Amino acid sequence: MPLEIAAGTYPNQPDPIPTIGTAALLLTTADLTRDEALVVVRAVYQTGQDLLAAGSPQGAQVSVANARRGLTVPLHDGAEEGLALLEHAKPR
């Protein structure tokens, strides 16, 4: 999928750079419960956001807004619900 490396991501990189990217997927079976899926979504997109951002420039791009980008498989119902809740949550 097309991506852009934001200006200033790396030293001596004053301009954005168009690039391509791949999505990382966390897959499960339908046996995962709704509540378990909600916990995973919150761990990745809410409580784990600072850790992802600190880990790498790519980790900083992981967001609820990008969660469905490039997705070619259906989301677990609980994951879909969790993302919808986070999309409509008030900023902290």
Protein backbone atom coordinates (compact mmCIF):
# COMPACT_ATOMS: atom_id res chain seq x y z
CA MET A 1 0.00 0.00 0.00
CA PRO A 2 1.27 3.53 -0.64
CA LEU A 3 2.74 5.28 2.38
CA GLU A 4 4.73 8.39 3.11
CA ILE A 5 7.69 8.71 5.45
CA ALA A 6 6.99 11.98 7.23
CA ALA A 7 9.51 14.81 6.95
CA GLY A 8 11.98 14.73 9.82
CA THR A 9 11.49 11.06 10.60
CA TYR A 10 15.20 10.50 10.10
CA PRO A 11 18.20 12.82 10.43
CA ASN A 12 18.86 14.96 7.32
CA GLN A 13 15.42 14.12 5.88
CA PRO A 14 13.67 17.50 5.55
CA ASP A 15 11.01 16.36 3.06
CA PRO A 16 8.40 13.59 3.07
CA ILE A 17 9.35 10.52 1.05
CA PRO A 18 6.75 8.45 -0.82
CA THR A 19 7.24 4.74 -0.28
CA ILE A 20 5.32 1.48 -0.07
CA GLY A 21 4.40 -0.41 3.04
CA THR A 22 2.98 -3.69 4.18
CA ALA A 23 0.48 -4.30 6.93
CA ALA A 24 1.13 -6.52 9.91
CA LEU A 25 -1.79 -8.73 10.81
CA LEU A 26 -2.72 -10.37 14.07
CA LEU A 27 -4.97 -13.29 13.15
CA THR A 28 -7.23 -15.46 15.27
CA THR A 29 -10.05 -17.94 14.94
CA ALA A 30 -13.72 -17.35 15.59
CA ASP A 31 -13.18 -19.07 18.96
CA LEU A 32 -11.68 -15.88 20.39
CA THR A 33 -14.35 -14.25 22.53
CA ARG A 34 -15.64 -10.73 22.05
CA ASP A 35 -14.10 -9.66 25.36
CA GLU A 36 -10.72 -11.17 24.45
CA ALA A 37 -10.75 -9.33 21.12
CA LEU A 38 -11.59 -6.06 22.89
CA VAL A 39 -8.62 -6.56 25.23
CA VAL A 40 -6.27 -7.09 22.29
CA VAL A 41 -7.57 -4.02 20.43
CA ARG A 42 -7.19 -1.84 23.51
CA ALA A 43 -3.70 -3.22 24.18
CA VAL A 44 -2.50 -2.37 20.68
CA TYR A 45 -4.36 0.84 19.90
CA GLN A 46 -4.81 2.43 23.32
CA THR A 47 -2.48 1.38 26.12
CA GLY A 48 0.33 0.17 23.84
CA GLN A 49 0.43 3.23 21.59
CA ASP A 50 3.31 4.92 23.45
CA LEU A 51 5.39 1.73 23.37
CA LEU A 52 4.84 1.29 19.65
CA ALA A 53 5.77 4.91 18.95
CA ALA A 54 8.92 4.66 21.06
CA GLY A 55 10.00 1.48 19.30
CA SER A 56 10.34 2.81 15.77
CA PRO A 57 9.04 5.39 13.31
CA GLN A 58 6.87 2.63 11.83
CA GLY A 59 5.39 1.88 15.24
CA ALA A 60 4.39 5.52 15.56
CA GLN A 61 2.18 5.08 12.49
CA VAL A 62 0.09 2.32 14.07
CA SER A 63 -3.26 3.93 14.78
CA VAL A 64 -6.98 3.27 14.88
CA ALA A 65 -7.27 5.46 11.77
CA ASN A 66 -4.98 3.05 9.88
CA ALA A 67 -6.25 -0.19 11.43
CA ARG A 68 -8.33 -1.26 8.43
CA ARG A 69 -5.99 0.06 5.74
CA GLY A 70 -5.05 -2.66 3.25
CA LEU A 71 -7.13 -5.24 5.10
CA THR A 72 -8.32 -8.10 2.89
CA VAL A 73 -9.79 -10.40 5.55
CA PRO A 74 -12.79 -9.73 7.78
CA LEU A 75 -12.24 -8.42 11.28
CA HIS A 76 -13.36 -10.40 14.31
CA ASP A 77 -16.66 -8.93 15.53
CA GLY A 78 -15.05 -8.00 18.86
CA ALA A 79 -12.14 -6.28 17.10
CA GLU A 80 -14.56 -4.33 14.92
CA GLU A 81 -16.48 -3.26 18.01
CA GLY A 82 -13.28 -2.28 19.82
CA LEU A 83 -12.05 -0.15 16.92
CA ALA A 84 -15.45 1.55 16.64
CA LEU A 85 -15.38 2.36 20.36
CA LEU A 86 -11.89 3.85 20.09
CA GLU A 87 -12.83 5.85 16.97
CA HIS A 88 -15.63 7.53 18.90
CA ALA A 89 -13.79 7.90 22.23
CA LYS A 90 -13.03 11.36 23.51
CA PRO A 91 -9.31 12.24 23.51
CA ARG A 92 -7.59 11.91 26.87
